[in-house]
Amino acid sequence: MKRTVLLFLIALPLLAFTAVHKFYVSATNIEYNEKQRSLQIISHVFTDDMEDLLQTRYSESLTLIKGNEHPAADEFIQKYFGDKFRVTVNGEQRAVNYIGKEYDKDQLLVYLEVEDVEPIKNIGVENSILTDLFPEQKNVIKVEYGGKIKSLLLMRDAPGGTLKFSN
């Protein structure tokens, strides 16, 4: 499984430059900020996939075109991630705060944060982003904590997993 996750992490930036993609993958990086005692999260999704999803769920007129974006885009993205992305720390579900988003070529970067994080023994992540529209969607999660990096490969039939960091 580590080899598969590594392959996705290597391939994602290379494939980000293609005009049309025929696969569905996102990459989410979770990093512990010791000074702020928070988990800082960046989720990379293809903009056109997120736009298709938001049009299907919320509004057919919704666009995510930089400079011509729908006025409620942030509200819909925040609501969708609130429904589809969850984090537990040491077995306790935590509030995931939506910070904002930005566009990077054909990707949408969504910024999230979990505040007041105590020492971590394990982190659970449930990420079913885009799996409701694209059954073949894969969501790669990379967590960095205490000098260790661990990863998960999540999909429609297995949307969640837990990573242990205790010795």
N, C-alpha and C. Protein backbone atom coordinates (compact mmCIF):
# COMPACT_ATOMS: atom_id res chain seq x y z
N MET A 1 0.83 -1.19 0.00
CA MET A 1 0.00 0.00 0.00
C MET A 1 0.87 1.25 0.00
N LYS A 2 1.99 1.24 0.73
CA LYS A 2 2.87 2.41 0.75
C LYS A 2 3.36 2.73 -0.66
N ARG A 3 3.64 1.72 -1.45
CA ARG A 3 4.12 1.92 -2.81
C ARG A 3 3.04 2.61 -3.65
N THR A 4 1.78 2.20 -3.47
CA THR A 4 0.67 2.80 -4.21
C THR A 4 0.51 4.27 -3.82
N VAL A 5 0.57 4.56 -2.53
CA VAL A 5 0.43 5.94 -2.06
C VAL A 5 1.58 6.79 -2.59
N LEU A 6 2.79 6.25 -2.55
CA LEU A 6 3.94 6.99 -3.05
C LEU A 6 3.78 7.29 -4.54
N LEU A 7 3.29 6.32 -5.29
CA LEU A 7 3.06 6.51 -6.72
C LEU A 7 2.07 7.65 -6.95
N PHE A 8 0.97 7.67 -6.19
CA PHE A 8 -0.01 8.76 -6.34
C PHE A 8 0.61 10.11 -6.00
N LEU A 9 1.41 10.17 -4.94
CA LEU A 9 2.02 11.44 -4.53
C LEU A 9 3.01 11.94 -5.58
N ILE A 10 3.71 11.02 -6.22
CA ILE A 10 4.65 11.42 -7.28
C ILE A 10 3.91 11.82 -8.54
N ALA A 11 2.86 11.08 -8.88
CA ALA A 11 2.15 11.31 -10.14
C ALA A 11 1.27 12.55 -10.12
N LEU A 12 0.71 12.90 -8.97
CA LEU A 12 -0.24 14.01 -8.91
C LEU A 12 0.31 15.32 -9.48
N PRO A 13 1.49 15.79 -9.05
CA PRO A 13 1.98 17.05 -9.63
C PRO A 13 2.23 16.95 -11.14
N LEU A 14 2.71 15.81 -11.61
CA LEU A 14 2.97 15.65 -13.04
C LEU A 14 1.68 15.69 -13.83
N LEU A 15 0.64 15.10 -13.29
CA LEU A 15 -0.63 15.02 -13.99
C LEU A 15 -1.44 16.30 -13.87
N ALA A 16 -1.04 17.16 -12.98
CA ALA A 16 -1.77 18.41 -12.79
C ALA A 16 -1.69 19.31 -14.02
N PHE A 17 -0.73 19.07 -14.89
CA PHE A 17 -0.55 19.91 -16.07
C PHE A 17 -1.32 19.41 -17.28
N THR A 18 -2.01 18.30 -17.16
CA THR A 18 -2.77 17.80 -18.29
C THR A 18 -4.08 18.55 -18.38
N ALA A 19 -4.52 18.80 -19.60
CA ALA A 19 -5.75 19.55 -19.81
C ALA A 19 -6.97 18.74 -19.43
N VAL A 20 -6.97 17.45 -19.71
CA VAL A 20 -8.09 16.59 -19.39
C VAL A 20 -7.53 15.39 -18.65
N HIS A 21 -8.14 15.07 -17.52
CA HIS A 21 -7.66 13.90 -16.79
C HIS A 21 -8.75 12.84 -16.79
N LYS A 22 -8.33 11.58 -16.84
CA LYS A 22 -9.28 10.48 -16.91
C LYS A 22 -9.26 9.66 -15.64
N PHE A 23 -8.69 10.17 -14.61
CA PHE A 23 -8.67 9.50 -13.33
C PHE A 23 -9.08 10.52 -12.28
N TYR A 24 -9.42 10.04 -11.11
CA TYR A 24 -9.92 10.92 -10.07
C TYR A 24 -9.12 10.69 -8.80
N VAL A 25 -8.34 11.70 -8.42
CA VAL A 25 -7.50 11.58 -7.24
C VAL A 25 -7.36 12.96 -6.59
N SER A 26 -7.29 12.94 -5.27
CA SER A 26 -6.97 14.16 -4.53
C SER A 26 -5.82 13.83 -3.60
N ALA A 27 -5.11 14.85 -3.16
CA ALA A 27 -4.02 14.68 -2.20
C ALA A 27 -4.25 15.68 -1.06
N THR A 28 -4.23 15.17 0.16
CA THR A 28 -4.42 16.01 1.33
C THR A 28 -3.21 15.88 2.24
N ASN A 29 -2.60 17.00 2.56
CA ASN A 29 -1.45 17.03 3.46
C ASN A 29 -1.90 17.57 4.82
N ILE A 30 -1.57 16.83 5.87
CA ILE A 30 -1.89 17.25 7.24
C ILE A 30 -0.57 17.35 7.98
N GLU A 31 -0.30 18.53 8.52
CA GLU A 31 0.96 18.74 9.23
C GLU A 31 0.67 19.35 10.59
N TYR A 32 1.33 18.81 11.60
CA TYR A 32 1.16 19.33 12.96
C TYR A 32 2.07 20.54 13.15
N ASN A 33 1.47 21.67 13.57
CA ASN A 33 2.24 22.88 13.87
C ASN A 33 2.37 22.93 15.39
N GLU A 34 3.56 22.58 15.87
CA GLU A 34 3.77 22.47 17.32
C GLU A 34 3.57 23.81 18.03
N LYS A 35 4.05 24.89 17.42
CA LYS A 35 3.95 26.22 18.04
C LYS A 35 2.48 26.62 18.24
N GLN A 36 1.65 26.36 17.23
CA GLN A 36 0.23 26.73 17.32
C GLN A 36 -0.64 25.61 17.86
N ARG A 37 -0.03 24.43 18.09
CA ARG A 37 -0.76 23.25 18.56
C ARG A 37 -1.98 22.97 17.68
N SER A 38 -1.75 22.98 16.36
CA SER A 38 -2.85 22.77 15.42
C SER A 38 -2.42 21.85 14.29
N LEU A 39 -3.42 21.23 13.68
CA LEU A 39 -3.21 20.47 12.46
C LEU A 39 -3.54 21.40 11.31
N GLN A 40 -2.58 21.62 10.43
CA GLN A 40 -2.80 22.47 9.27
C GLN A 40 -2.95 21.57 8.07
N ILE A 41 -4.05 21.75 7.35
CA ILE A 41 -4.46 20.82 6.32
C ILE A 41 -4.60 21.55 4.99
N ILE A 42 -4.03 20.95 3.95
CA ILE A 42 -4.21 21.46 2.59
C ILE A 42 -4.70 20.30 1.73
N SER A 43 -5.87 20.47 1.14
CA SER A 43 -6.43 19.45 0.27
C SER A 43 -6.37 19.94 -1.16
N HIS A 44 -5.75 19.13 -2.04
CA HIS A 44 -5.61 19.45 -3.45
C HIS A 44 -6.63 18.62 -4.23
N VAL A 45 -7.54 19.28 -4.91
CA VAL A 45 -8.51 18.58 -5.76
C VAL A 45 -8.51 19.27 -7.14
N PHE A 46 -8.89 18.50 -8.15
CA PHE A 46 -9.00 19.12 -9.47
C PHE A 46 -10.19 20.07 -9.47
N THR A 47 -9.97 21.29 -9.93
CA THR A 47 -11.00 22.32 -9.93
C THR A 47 -12.23 21.90 -10.72
N ASP A 48 -12.04 21.30 -11.89
CA ASP A 48 -13.20 20.93 -12.70
C ASP A 48 -14.05 19.85 -12.03
N ASP A 49 -13.40 18.93 -11.30
CA ASP A 49 -14.16 17.90 -10.58
C ASP A 49 -14.99 18.53 -9.45
N MET A 50 -14.38 19.45 -8.72
CA MET A 50 -15.10 20.10 -7.63
C MET A 50 -16.24 20.95 -8.18
N GLU A 51 -16.01 21.62 -9.29
CA GLU A 51 -17.06 22.41 -9.92
C GLU A 51 -18.23 21.51 -10.35
N ASP A 52 -17.93 20.36 -10.98
CA ASP A 52 -18.99 19.42 -11.37
C ASP A 52 -19.79 18.97 -10.15
N LEU A 53 -19.07 18.67 -9.08
CA LEU A 53 -19.73 18.19 -7.86
C LEU A 53 -20.63 19.28 -7.27
N LEU A 54 -20.12 20.48 -7.16
CA LEU A 54 -20.89 21.58 -6.56
C LEU A 54 -22.10 21.94 -7.44
N GLN A 55 -21.95 21.84 -8.76
CA GLN A 55 -23.09 22.08 -9.65
C GLN A 55 -24.16 21.02 -9.45
N THR A 56 -23.75 19.78 -9.28
CA THR A 56 -24.68 18.67 -9.08
C THR A 56 -25.40 18.79 -7.74
N ARG A 57 -24.67 19.16 -6.70
CA ARG A 57 -25.24 19.19 -5.35
C ARG A 57 -25.98 20.48 -5.02
N TYR A 58 -25.47 21.63 -5.46
CA TYR A 58 -25.97 22.90 -4.95
C TYR A 58 -26.57 23.84 -5.99
N SER A 59 -25.87 24.07 -7.09
CA SER A 59 -26.35 25.06 -8.05
C SER A 59 -25.74 24.81 -9.42
N GLU A 60 -26.61 24.62 -10.42
CA GLU A 60 -26.12 24.38 -11.78
C GLU A 60 -25.33 25.55 -12.32
N SER A 61 -25.56 26.75 -11.81
CA SER A 61 -24.87 27.93 -12.33
C SER A 61 -23.54 28.19 -11.62
N LEU A 62 -23.15 27.33 -10.71
CA LEU A 62 -21.94 27.56 -9.94
C LEU A 62 -20.70 27.37 -10.82
N THR A 63 -19.79 28.34 -10.77
CA THR A 63 -18.53 28.24 -11.49
C THR A 63 -17.37 28.48 -10.52
N LEU A 64 -16.27 27.83 -10.80
CA LEU A 64 -15.06 28.02 -10.00
C LEU A 64 -13.94 28.55 -10.89
N ILE A 65 -14.29 29.45 -11.76
CA ILE A 65 -13.31 30.06 -12.66
C ILE A 65 -12.72 31.26 -11.95
N LYS A 66 -11.40 31.26 -11.80
CA LYS A 66 -10.72 32.37 -11.12
C LYS A 66 -11.10 33.68 -11.81
N GLY A 67 -11.58 34.61 -11.02
CA GLY A 67 -11.98 35.91 -11.56
C GLY A 67 -13.44 35.97 -11.96
N ASN A 68 -14.09 34.82 -12.11
CA ASN A 68 -15.51 34.79 -12.47
C ASN A 68 -16.23 33.72 -11.66
N GLU A 69 -15.84 33.59 -10.41
CA GLU A 69 -16.37 32.53 -9.57
C GLU A 69 -17.73 32.91 -9.00
N HIS A 70 -18.53 31.91 -8.77
CA HIS A 70 -19.86 32.09 -8.17
C HIS A 70 -19.71 32.75 -6.80
N PRO A 71 -20.57 33.74 -6.46
CA PRO A 71 -20.41 34.45 -5.19
C PRO A 71 -20.52 33.56 -3.95
N ALA A 72 -21.19 32.41 -4.07
CA ALA A 72 -21.36 31.53 -2.91
C ALA A 72 -20.39 30.33 -2.95
N ALA A 73 -19.36 30.41 -3.79
CA ALA A 73 -18.43 29.28 -3.94
C ALA A 73 -17.82 28.88 -2.60
N ASP A 74 -17.30 29.85 -1.85
CA ASP A 74 -16.69 29.53 -0.55
C ASP A 74 -17.69 28.85 0.38
N GLU A 75 -18.89 29.38 0.42
CA GLU A 75 -19.93 28.81 1.29
C GLU A 75 -20.22 27.35 0.93
N PHE A 76 -20.32 27.05 -0.37
CA PHE A 76 -20.61 25.69 -0.80
C PHE A 76 -19.42 24.75 -0.55
N ILE A 77 -18.21 25.23 -0.79
CA ILE A 77 -17.03 24.41 -0.54
C ILE A 77 -16.90 24.10 0.94
N GLN A 78 -17.11 25.12 1.77
CA GLN A 78 -17.06 24.92 3.22
C GLN A 78 -18.11 23.90 3.67
N LYS A 79 -19.32 24.02 3.17
CA LYS A 79 -20.39 23.09 3.53
C LYS A 79 -20.05 21.67 3.08
N TYR A 80 -19.57 21.53 1.85
CA TYR A 80 -19.25 20.20 1.32
C TYR A 80 -18.12 19.54 2.12
N PHE A 81 -17.04 20.26 2.36
CA PHE A 81 -15.94 19.70 3.15
C PHE A 81 -16.41 19.39 4.57
N GLY A 82 -17.29 20.20 5.12
CA GLY A 82 -17.84 19.92 6.45
C GLY A 82 -18.61 18.62 6.49
N ASP A 83 -19.26 18.27 5.39
CA ASP A 83 -20.01 17.01 5.29
C ASP A 83 -19.13 15.81 5.00
N LYS A 84 -18.02 16.00 4.29
CA LYS A 84 -17.27 14.88 3.73
C LYS A 84 -15.86 14.68 4.28
N PHE A 85 -15.39 15.57 5.15
CA PHE A 85 -14.02 15.46 5.66
C PHE A 85 -14.05 15.55 7.18
N ARG A 86 -13.58 14.51 7.85
CA ARG A 86 -13.59 14.47 9.31
C ARG A 86 -12.22 14.03 9.84
N VAL A 87 -11.88 14.55 11.02
CA VAL A 87 -10.62 14.20 11.67
C VAL A 87 -10.90 13.85 13.12
N THR A 88 -10.27 12.76 13.58
CA THR A 88 -10.27 12.42 14.99
C THR A 88 -8.83 12.44 15.48
N VAL A 89 -8.65 12.89 16.71
CA VAL A 89 -7.33 12.87 17.35
C VAL A 89 -7.49 12.08 18.63
N ASN A 90 -6.70 11.04 18.77
CA ASN A 90 -6.76 10.15 19.93
C ASN A 90 -8.17 9.64 20.17
N GLY A 91 -8.87 9.34 19.09
CA GLY A 91 -10.21 8.76 19.17
C GLY A 91 -11.34 9.75 19.34
N GLU A 92 -11.04 11.03 19.45
CA GLU A 92 -12.06 12.06 19.65
C GLU A 92 -12.24 12.89 18.38
N GLN A 93 -13.50 12.96 17.90
CA GLN A 93 -13.75 13.76 16.70
C GLN A 93 -13.49 15.23 17.00
N ARG A 94 -12.82 15.90 16.07
CA ARG A 94 -12.43 17.29 16.25
C ARG A 94 -13.08 18.17 15.20
N ALA A 95 -13.32 19.42 15.56
CA ALA A 95 -13.87 20.40 14.63
C ALA A 95 -12.80 20.74 13.59
N VAL A 96 -13.20 20.70 12.33
CA VAL A 96 -12.31 21.07 11.22
C VAL A 96 -12.78 22.42 10.71
N ASN A 97 -11.93 23.42 10.86
CA ASN A 97 -12.27 24.79 10.46
C ASN A 97 -11.83 25.05 9.02
N TYR A 98 -12.74 25.61 8.25
CA TYR A 98 -12.45 26.02 6.88
C TYR A 98 -11.74 27.37 6.94
N ILE A 99 -10.54 27.44 6.38
CA ILE A 99 -9.75 28.68 6.38
C ILE A 99 -9.95 29.44 5.07
N GLY A 100 -9.98 28.71 3.96
CA GLY A 100 -10.15 29.36 2.66
C GLY A 100 -9.68 28.45 1.55
N LYS A 101 -9.53 29.04 0.37
CA LYS A 101 -9.12 28.28 -0.80
C LYS A 101 -8.35 29.18 -1.74
N GLU A 102 -7.64 28.54 -2.67
CA GLU A 102 -6.99 29.28 -3.75
C GLU A 102 -6.86 28.35 -4.94
N TYR A 103 -6.67 28.95 -6.10
CA TYR A 103 -6.52 28.20 -7.34
C TYR A 103 -5.04 28.11 -7.70
N ASP A 104 -4.63 26.94 -8.17
CA ASP A 104 -3.26 26.72 -8.62
C ASP A 104 -3.33 25.88 -9.89
N LYS A 105 -3.19 26.53 -11.02
CA LYS A 105 -3.34 25.89 -12.33
C LYS A 105 -4.71 25.21 -12.40
N ASP A 106 -4.74 23.89 -12.56
CA ASP A 106 -6.05 23.21 -12.65
C ASP A 106 -6.48 22.58 -11.33
N GLN A 107 -5.84 23.01 -10.25
CA GLN A 107 -6.19 22.48 -8.94
C GLN A 107 -6.79 23.55 -8.04
N LEU A 108 -7.64 23.07 -7.14
CA LEU A 108 -8.21 23.90 -6.08
C LEU A 108 -7.54 23.46 -4.79
N LEU A 109 -6.94 24.39 -4.08
CA LEU A 109 -6.31 24.10 -2.80
C LEU A 109 -7.25 24.60 -1.71
N VAL A 110 -7.68 23.67 -0.86
CA VAL A 110 -8.60 24.01 0.22
C VAL A 110 -7.83 23.93 1.54
N TYR A 111 -7.88 25.02 2.31
CA TYR A 111 -7.12 25.13 3.56
C TYR A 111 -8.06 24.91 4.74
N LEU A 112 -7.66 23.99 5.62
CA LEU A 112 -8.45 23.64 6.80
C LEU A 112 -7.52 23.62 8.01
N GLU A 113 -8.12 23.63 9.22
CA GLU A 113 -7.31 23.59 10.43
C GLU A 113 -8.09 22.94 11.56
N VAL A 114 -7.37 22.19 12.38
CA VAL A 114 -7.91 21.65 13.63
C VAL A 114 -7.10 22.29 14.74
N GLU A 115 -7.76 23.01 15.64
CA GLU A 115 -7.07 23.76 16.69
C GLU A 115 -6.99 22.97 17.99
N ASP A 116 -6.11 23.46 18.89
CA ASP A 116 -5.94 22.90 20.24
C ASP A 116 -5.73 21.40 20.23
N VAL A 117 -4.70 20.98 19.50
CA VAL A 117 -4.39 19.56 19.38
C VAL A 117 -3.37 19.18 20.45
N GLU A 118 -3.75 18.24 21.28
CA GLU A 118 -2.88 17.73 22.34
C GLU A 118 -1.88 16.74 21.73
N PRO A 119 -0.92 16.25 22.51
CA PRO A 119 0.00 15.25 21.95
C PRO A 119 -0.78 14.12 21.27
N ILE A 120 -0.30 13.72 20.12
CA ILE A 120 -1.04 12.80 19.27
C ILE A 120 -0.54 11.37 19.44
N LYS A 121 -1.48 10.49 19.72
CA LYS A 121 -1.19 9.05 19.71
C LYS A 121 -1.67 8.46 18.39
N ASN A 122 -2.82 8.96 17.91
CA ASN A 122 -3.31 8.51 16.62
C ASN A 122 -4.19 9.59 15.99
N ILE A 123 -4.23 9.56 14.66
CA ILE A 123 -5.07 10.49 13.89
C ILE A 123 -5.93 9.65 12.96
N GLY A 124 -7.23 9.87 13.05
CA GLY A 124 -8.16 9.22 12.13
C GLY A 124 -8.65 10.25 11.11
N VAL A 125 -8.74 9.84 9.87
CA VAL A 125 -9.21 10.72 8.81
C VAL A 125 -10.29 9.99 8.02
N GLU A 126 -11.40 10.68 7.82
CA GLU A 126 -12.43 10.20 6.91
C GLU A 126 -12.53 11.24 5.81
N ASN A 127 -12.27 10.80 4.57
CA ASN A 127 -12.28 11.72 3.44
C ASN A 127 -13.07 11.07 2.31
N SER A 128 -14.31 11.49 2.16
CA SER A 128 -15.12 10.98 1.05
C SER A 128 -15.39 12.08 0.02
N ILE A 129 -14.45 13.03 -0.06
CA ILE A 129 -14.53 14.11 -1.03
C ILE A 129 -14.61 13.51 -2.44
N LEU A 130 -15.59 13.94 -3.20
CA LEU A 130 -15.82 13.60 -4.60
C LEU A 130 -16.24 12.15 -4.85
N THR A 131 -16.24 11.29 -3.84
CA THR A 131 -16.61 9.89 -4.07
C THR A 131 -18.10 9.73 -4.35
N ASP A 132 -18.91 10.70 -3.96
CA ASP A 132 -20.35 10.61 -4.24
C ASP A 132 -20.65 10.86 -5.72
N LEU A 133 -19.79 11.59 -6.42
CA LEU A 133 -19.99 11.84 -7.86
C LEU A 133 -19.13 10.93 -8.72
N PHE A 134 -17.93 10.64 -8.23
CA PHE A 134 -16.98 9.82 -8.98
C PHE A 134 -16.64 8.57 -8.18
N PRO A 135 -17.28 7.44 -8.46
CA PRO A 135 -17.05 6.22 -7.68
C PRO A 135 -15.58 5.76 -7.66
N GLU A 136 -14.82 6.09 -8.72
CA GLU A 136 -13.43 5.66 -8.79
C GLU A 136 -12.46 6.64 -8.11
N GLN A 137 -12.98 7.69 -7.46
CA GLN A 137 -12.16 8.69 -6.77
C GLN A 137 -11.28 8.05 -5.70
N LYS A 138 -10.00 8.44 -5.67
CA LYS A 138 -9.05 8.03 -4.64
C LYS A 138 -8.59 9.28 -3.92
N ASN A 139 -8.51 9.21 -2.59
CA ASN A 139 -8.07 10.34 -1.79
C ASN A 139 -6.84 9.93 -0.98
N VAL A 140 -5.71 10.51 -1.32
CA VAL A 140 -4.45 10.21 -0.66
C VAL A 140 -4.28 11.19 0.50
N ILE A 141 -3.97 10.65 1.68
CA ILE A 141 -3.76 11.47 2.87
C ILE A 141 -2.32 11.28 3.33
N LYS A 142 -1.61 12.37 3.57
CA LYS A 142 -0.25 12.31 4.11
C LYS A 142 -0.25 13.11 5.41
N VAL A 143 0.18 12.47 6.50
CA VAL A 143 0.21 13.13 7.81
C VAL A 143 1.65 13.21 8.28
N GLU A 144 2.06 14.41 8.70
CA GLU A 144 3.39 14.61 9.25
C GLU A 144 3.26 15.05 10.70
N TYR A 145 3.87 14.24 11.59
CA TYR A 145 3.81 14.54 13.02
C TYR A 145 5.06 13.99 13.70
N GLY A 146 5.69 14.81 14.52
CA GLY A 146 6.84 14.36 15.29
C GLY A 146 7.97 13.82 14.46
N GLY A 147 8.20 14.39 13.29
CA GLY A 147 9.28 13.94 12.42
C GLY A 147 8.95 12.68 11.63
N LYS A 148 7.74 12.17 11.78
CA LYS A 148 7.33 10.98 11.05
C LYS A 148 6.29 11.36 10.01
N ILE A 149 6.33 10.67 8.88
CA ILE A 149 5.34 10.87 7.82
C ILE A 149 4.66 9.53 7.56
N LYS A 150 3.33 9.55 7.62
CA LYS A 150 2.55 8.35 7.36
C LYS A 150 1.44 8.72 6.38
N SER A 151 0.91 7.70 5.69
CA SER A 151 -0.09 8.00 4.68
C SER A 151 -1.20 6.96 4.64
N LEU A 152 -2.30 7.38 4.03
CA LEU A 152 -3.48 6.54 3.82
C LEU A 152 -3.94 6.71 2.37
N LEU A 153 -4.51 5.65 1.83
CA LEU A 153 -5.19 5.72 0.55
C LEU A 153 -6.65 5.40 0.81
N LEU A 154 -7.51 6.40 0.62
CA LEU A 154 -8.94 6.25 0.91
C LEU A 154 -9.73 6.28 -0.39
N MET A 155 -10.84 5.54 -0.39
CA MET A 155 -11.70 5.48 -1.57
C MET A 155 -13.14 5.26 -1.13
N ARG A 156 -14.03 5.19 -2.08
CA ARG A 156 -15.46 5.11 -1.79
C ARG A 156 -15.80 3.98 -0.82
N ASP A 157 -15.25 2.78 -1.05
CA ASP A 157 -15.55 1.64 -0.19
C ASP A 157 -14.77 1.63 1.11
N ALA A 158 -13.76 2.44 1.23
CA ALA A 158 -12.93 2.55 2.44
C ALA A 158 -12.59 4.02 2.66
N PRO A 159 -13.58 4.83 3.12
CA PRO A 159 -13.37 6.28 3.19
C PRO A 159 -12.56 6.77 4.39
N GLY A 160 -12.24 5.88 5.32
CA GLY A 160 -11.53 6.34 6.51
C GLY A 160 -10.42 5.40 6.94
N GLY A 161 -9.52 5.94 7.74
CA GLY A 161 -8.43 5.14 8.30
C GLY A 161 -7.79 5.87 9.45
N THR A 162 -6.99 5.14 10.22
CA THR A 162 -6.32 5.72 11.38
C THR A 162 -4.83 5.43 11.30
N LEU A 163 -4.05 6.43 11.64
CA LEU A 163 -2.59 6.31 11.69
C LEU A 163 -2.14 6.45 13.13
N LYS A 164 -1.29 5.53 13.58
CA LYS A 164 -0.78 5.55 14.95
C LYS A 164 0.59 6.19 14.99
N PHE A 165 0.78 7.08 15.98
CA PHE A 165 2.04 7.76 16.14
C PHE A 165 2.70 7.49 17.48
N SER A 166 2.05 6.75 18.36
CA SER A 166 2.65 6.47 19.66
C SER A 166 3.72 5.40 19.53
N ASN A 167 4.69 5.45 20.42
CA ASN A 167 5.79 4.47 20.38
C ASN A 167 5.42 3.21 21.13
